[in-house]
Amino acid sequence: QTRPAQGAQPDSSEYEDCTPADSLLKECKEDDDTYDRYLNENAEMYRARKEGFSRKISLGFRAAGGMNMVFGKKAGNWEIGYEGSAGIFAKMPFFSRLLTLYPELDFDYRVFKFESESDYSKDEASITQMLFEIPILFVFAPDNEGFFVGIGPDLGLKLSSKSKYKQEVDTGKKIEKDKRKNTLPTAGVLLGGAFDIGYAFNSHFTVDIRVVQYLSNLVNEKAVAETEIMDSKLYTFHTTLGISFAL
């Protein structure tokens, strides 16, 4: 087989012996622009497939524990309480690659503490609550790993609530003690907002600190039977440390 003269363009039949494995050989390239465009198109398709896979909807679990504080009218005698929660969440893409929607459903157990003391009496009380908490967070995360922040509304739906009230009164002759139950009914619905900051070790495992501020009164003020707490406006602030695992 004769070679083409130097400087002459090779005949198209010369490419018939080229195989896909020879595609990087100079003599098997039909056109540099066509080849570069082919590489760019394939790279874009790969990135699109990768991004689409990483942005799929997934489910996960979160467990958390922390403390609560009470602010507002007649909140000075409320002490720091404690709480724990566990629940499930969905991880959903939300328009932008950097923004993710996290609707969550948690089961919470909360304990609030009250103590008041004067020259003639001492009052102690506690409220225990079980409720469903539904935060809906919009999370800004530049990547699947690293720091992230989230913010959104938070809804609390009471399942049950119990209270204990203990009073000691000094009459001058003796100390009279009285114990009462369920005289501090709580509100059935709590509305507020949540702020979350955390760190993702990978696309599955994260830790976070979440704060929730409710704008609804903790107690059902119309049904409160204890003088010390009547007419109270109690707005609770919650701080929890959570661990999450996404499937």
Protein backbone atom coordinates (compact mmCIF):
# COMPACT_ATOMS: atom_id res chain seq x y z
CA GLN A 1 0.00 0.00 0.00
CA THR A 2 1.41 3.32 -1.01
CA ARG A 3 1.62 6.28 1.39
CA PRO A 4 0.10 9.63 0.37
CA ALA A 5 2.50 12.29 -0.73
CA GLN A 6 3.91 14.53 1.98
CA GLY A 7 1.59 17.44 2.71
CA ALA A 8 -1.36 15.81 0.96
CA GLN A 9 -4.61 15.10 2.87
CA PRO A 10 -5.20 11.39 3.50
CA ASP A 11 -8.11 9.82 1.69
CA SER A 12 -11.22 9.10 3.83
CA SER A 13 -10.77 5.41 3.06
CA GLU A 14 -7.64 5.56 5.19
CA TYR A 15 -9.90 5.71 8.34
CA GLU A 16 -11.63 2.43 7.66
CA ASP A 17 -8.93 0.53 9.56
CA CYS A 18 -9.26 2.78 12.65
CA THR A 19 -10.96 1.21 15.65
CA PRO A 20 -12.50 2.89 18.75
CA ALA A 21 -9.30 2.04 20.59
CA ASP A 22 -7.38 4.17 18.03
CA SER A 23 -9.56 7.23 18.51
CA LEU A 24 -6.80 9.14 20.28
CA LEU A 25 -4.32 8.63 17.41
CA LYS A 26 -3.74 11.76 15.41
CA GLU A 27 -4.26 10.04 12.07
CA CYS A 28 -7.64 8.67 13.23
CA LYS A 29 -9.06 12.08 14.29
CA GLU A 30 -11.42 13.42 11.67
CA ASP A 31 -11.63 16.90 13.11
CA ASP A 32 -10.17 18.43 16.30
CA ASP A 33 -13.22 20.64 16.84
CA THR A 34 -15.60 17.69 16.46
CA TYR A 35 -13.56 15.60 18.90
CA ASP A 36 -13.37 18.39 21.52
CA ARG A 37 -17.10 18.97 21.22
CA TYR A 38 -17.67 15.24 21.71
CA LEU A 39 -15.61 15.26 24.92
CA ASN A 40 -17.40 18.35 26.25
CA GLU A 41 -20.85 16.91 25.54
CA ASN A 42 -20.00 13.68 27.30
CA ALA A 43 -18.59 15.57 30.29
CA GLU A 44 -21.81 17.61 30.56
CA MET A 45 -23.93 14.47 30.38
CA TYR A 46 -21.83 12.86 33.13
CA ARG A 47 -22.16 15.89 35.37
CA ALA A 48 -25.92 16.02 34.79
CA ARG A 49 -26.32 12.34 35.63
CA LYS A 50 -24.15 12.71 38.73
CA GLU A 51 -26.02 15.78 39.94
CA GLY A 52 -29.38 14.18 39.28
CA PHE A 53 -28.40 11.09 41.26
CA SER A 54 -27.07 13.10 44.20
CA ARG A 55 -30.21 15.29 44.28
CA LYS A 56 -32.75 12.49 44.52
CA ILE A 57 -35.31 12.38 47.37
CA SER A 58 -34.10 10.34 50.32
CA LEU A 59 -35.34 9.49 53.82
CA GLY A 60 -33.46 9.59 57.11
CA PHE A 61 -33.60 9.40 60.89
CA ARG A 62 -32.69 11.99 63.54
CA ALA A 63 -32.26 11.67 67.31
CA ALA A 64 -31.60 14.64 69.60
CA GLY A 65 -31.40 15.74 73.21
CA GLY A 66 -31.07 19.09 74.92
CA MET A 67 -32.59 21.69 77.20
CA ASN A 68 -35.34 24.29 77.27
CA MET A 69 -35.80 27.72 78.82
CA VAL A 70 -38.89 29.88 79.37
CA PHE A 71 -39.24 33.60 78.55
CA GLY A 72 -42.08 36.07 78.93
CA LYS A 73 -44.46 37.39 81.60
CA LYS A 74 -44.02 35.56 84.95
CA ALA A 75 -41.21 33.45 83.52
CA GLY A 76 -38.64 34.40 86.17
CA ASN A 77 -39.28 31.34 88.36
CA TRP A 78 -39.02 28.80 85.56
CA GLU A 79 -35.77 26.82 85.56
CA ILE A 80 -33.89 25.05 82.78
CA GLY A 81 -35.66 21.88 81.71
CA TYR A 82 -34.63 18.96 79.52
CA GLU A 83 -35.96 17.09 76.50
CA GLY A 84 -35.32 14.37 73.96
CA SER A 85 -36.67 13.58 70.50
CA ALA A 86 -36.50 11.05 67.69
CA GLY A 87 -38.05 11.08 64.24
CA ILE A 88 -37.81 10.81 60.48
CA PHE A 89 -37.16 13.35 57.73
CA ALA A 90 -37.21 13.61 53.96
CA LYS A 91 -34.35 15.19 52.03
CA MET A 92 -35.74 16.84 48.91
CA PRO A 93 -34.16 19.04 46.19
CA PHE A 94 -35.60 22.56 46.14
CA PHE A 95 -35.02 24.49 42.89
CA SER A 96 -31.33 25.31 43.48
CA ARG A 97 -28.45 22.83 43.77
CA LEU A 98 -27.44 24.62 46.99
CA LEU A 99 -30.87 24.48 48.63
CA THR A 100 -32.59 21.42 50.09
CA LEU A 101 -35.99 21.03 51.75
CA TYR A 102 -36.11 19.00 54.97
CA PRO A 103 -39.66 18.27 56.22
CA GLU A 104 -39.42 16.35 59.50
CA LEU A 105 -41.71 14.52 61.93
CA ASP A 106 -40.39 14.04 65.49
CA PHE A 107 -41.75 12.53 68.67
CA ASP A 108 -40.69 14.76 71.60
CA TYR A 109 -40.59 14.32 75.37
CA ARG A 110 -40.17 17.59 77.32
CA VAL A 111 -39.92 18.47 80.99
CA PHE A 112 -40.35 22.03 82.33
CA LYS A 113 -39.43 23.03 85.91
CA PHE A 114 -40.88 25.76 88.14
CA GLU A 115 -39.82 26.92 91.62
CA SER A 116 -40.92 29.93 93.68
CA GLU A 117 -40.11 30.81 97.27
CA SER A 118 -41.22 33.60 99.62
CA ASP A 119 -41.09 34.28 103.38
CA TYR A 120 -44.18 32.19 104.05
CA SER A 121 -44.41 29.66 101.19
CA LYS A 122 -42.48 27.54 98.76
CA ASP A 123 -43.90 26.31 95.44
CA GLU A 124 -42.48 23.67 93.13
CA ALA A 125 -43.98 22.43 89.89
CA SER A 126 -43.14 20.40 86.80
CA ILE A 127 -44.80 19.88 83.45
CA THR A 128 -44.12 16.87 81.25
CA GLN A 129 -45.19 16.93 77.63
CA MET A 130 -45.30 14.43 74.80
CA LEU A 131 -45.95 15.88 71.38
CA PHE A 132 -45.36 15.64 67.67
CA GLU A 133 -42.99 18.30 66.34
CA ILE A 134 -43.04 19.19 62.65
CA PRO A 135 -40.16 21.44 61.54
CA ILE A 136 -39.88 22.31 57.84
CA LEU A 137 -36.33 23.49 57.18
CA PHE A 138 -34.84 25.10 54.09
CA VAL A 139 -31.19 24.03 54.25
CA PHE A 140 -28.33 25.79 52.48
CA ALA A 141 -25.51 23.30 51.84
CA PRO A 142 -22.72 24.10 49.33
CA ASP A 143 -21.76 20.40 49.12
CA ASN A 144 -22.62 16.94 50.40
CA GLU A 145 -19.85 17.39 52.96
CA GLY A 146 -19.06 20.30 55.26
CA PHE A 147 -21.07 22.94 57.12
CA PHE A 148 -24.71 23.74 56.44
CA VAL A 149 -27.40 26.04 57.84
CA GLY A 150 -31.17 25.77 57.80
CA ILE A 151 -34.18 27.84 58.80
CA GLY A 152 -37.93 27.36 58.71
CA PRO A 153 -41.24 27.15 60.61
CA ASP A 154 -41.87 24.71 63.45
CA LEU A 155 -45.20 23.27 64.59
CA GLY A 156 -45.83 21.41 67.87
CA LEU A 157 -48.93 19.24 68.34
CA LYS A 158 -49.57 18.08 71.91
CA LEU A 159 -50.24 14.40 72.48
CA SER A 160 -50.36 14.47 76.27
CA SER A 161 -49.42 16.72 79.18
CA LYS A 162 -49.16 16.17 82.93
CA SER A 163 -48.26 18.50 85.76
CA LYS A 164 -47.39 18.26 89.43
CA TYR A 165 -47.62 21.12 91.88
CA LYS A 166 -46.23 21.02 95.43
CA GLN A 167 -46.85 23.83 97.92
CA GLU A 168 -45.52 24.36 101.45
CA VAL A 169 -47.08 27.16 103.53
CA ASP A 170 -45.70 28.34 106.86
CA THR A 171 -48.69 29.30 109.03
CA GLY A 172 -46.51 30.28 112.00
CA LYS A 173 -47.52 27.22 113.94
CA LYS A 174 -46.71 24.53 111.40
CA ILE A 175 -45.86 23.98 107.78
CA GLU A 176 -48.79 22.80 105.71
CA LYS A 177 -48.01 20.76 102.62
CA ASP A 178 -50.24 20.25 99.64
CA LYS A 179 -49.73 18.34 96.41
CA ARG A 180 -51.88 18.76 93.33
CA LYS A 181 -51.85 17.17 89.88
CA ASN A 182 -52.76 18.49 86.45
CA THR A 183 -53.51 22.04 87.55
CA LEU A 184 -51.21 23.46 84.82
CA PRO A 185 -52.79 22.49 81.47
CA THR A 186 -50.73 23.32 78.40
CA ALA A 187 -51.64 24.60 74.94
CA GLY A 188 -52.57 22.04 72.30
CA VAL A 189 -50.71 23.74 69.43
CA LEU A 190 -47.36 25.55 69.48
CA LEU A 191 -46.15 27.73 66.61
CA GLY A 192 -42.61 29.01 66.15
CA GLY A 193 -39.45 28.96 64.10
CA ALA A 194 -36.33 26.79 63.94
CA PHE A 195 -32.71 27.52 63.08
CA ASP A 196 -30.22 24.74 62.39
CA ILE A 197 -26.45 24.67 61.96
CA GLY A 198 -24.46 21.51 61.47
CA TYR A 199 -21.73 19.55 59.75
CA ALA A 200 -22.11 16.75 57.19
CA PHE A 201 -19.36 14.14 57.30
CA ASN A 202 -20.74 12.69 54.06
CA SER A 203 -24.07 12.43 52.25
CA HIS A 204 -25.39 10.09 54.97
CA PHE A 205 -24.13 11.15 58.42
CA THR A 206 -24.53 14.62 60.00
CA VAL A 207 -24.52 16.32 63.41
CA ASP A 208 -26.32 19.58 64.13
CA ILE A 209 -27.36 22.09 66.78
CA ARG A 210 -30.96 23.24 66.48
CA VAL A 211 -32.70 26.09 68.28
CA VAL A 212 -36.47 26.54 68.30
CA GLN A 213 -38.34 29.58 69.57
CA TYR A 214 -42.09 29.21 70.07
CA LEU A 215 -44.38 32.24 69.86
CA SER A 216 -47.36 30.44 71.46
CA ASN A 217 -48.01 30.40 75.19
CA LEU A 218 -46.86 27.16 76.81
CA VAL A 219 -49.81 27.05 79.25
CA ASN A 220 -53.51 27.26 78.59
CA GLU A 221 -53.91 30.47 80.55
CA LYS A 222 -57.72 30.24 80.78
CA ALA A 223 -57.56 26.86 82.54
CA VAL A 224 -54.55 27.36 84.88
CA ALA A 225 -55.60 26.77 88.50
CA GLU A 226 -52.44 27.93 90.32
CA THR A 227 -52.26 31.54 91.50
CA GLU A 228 -48.50 31.82 90.94
CA ILE A 229 -48.88 31.00 87.25
CA MET A 230 -52.20 32.64 86.38
CA ASP A 231 -51.99 35.29 83.64
CA SER A 232 -48.56 33.97 82.59
CA LYS A 233 -47.23 34.42 79.05
CA LEU A 234 -44.63 31.69 78.69
CA TYR A 235 -42.68 31.34 75.42
CA THR A 236 -40.27 28.42 75.34
CA PHE A 237 -36.81 28.32 73.78
CA HIS A 238 -35.32 24.93 72.93
CA THR A 239 -31.72 23.94 72.13
CA THR A 240 -30.86 20.39 71.04
CA LEU A 241 -27.85 18.49 69.73
CA GLY A 242 -28.86 16.04 67.02
CA ILE A 243 -27.41 13.15 65.04
CA SER A 244 -28.89 12.27 61.64
CA PHE A 245 -28.49 9.39 59.20
CA ALA A 246 -29.85 9.62 55.66
CA LEU A 247 -30.48 6.48 53.60
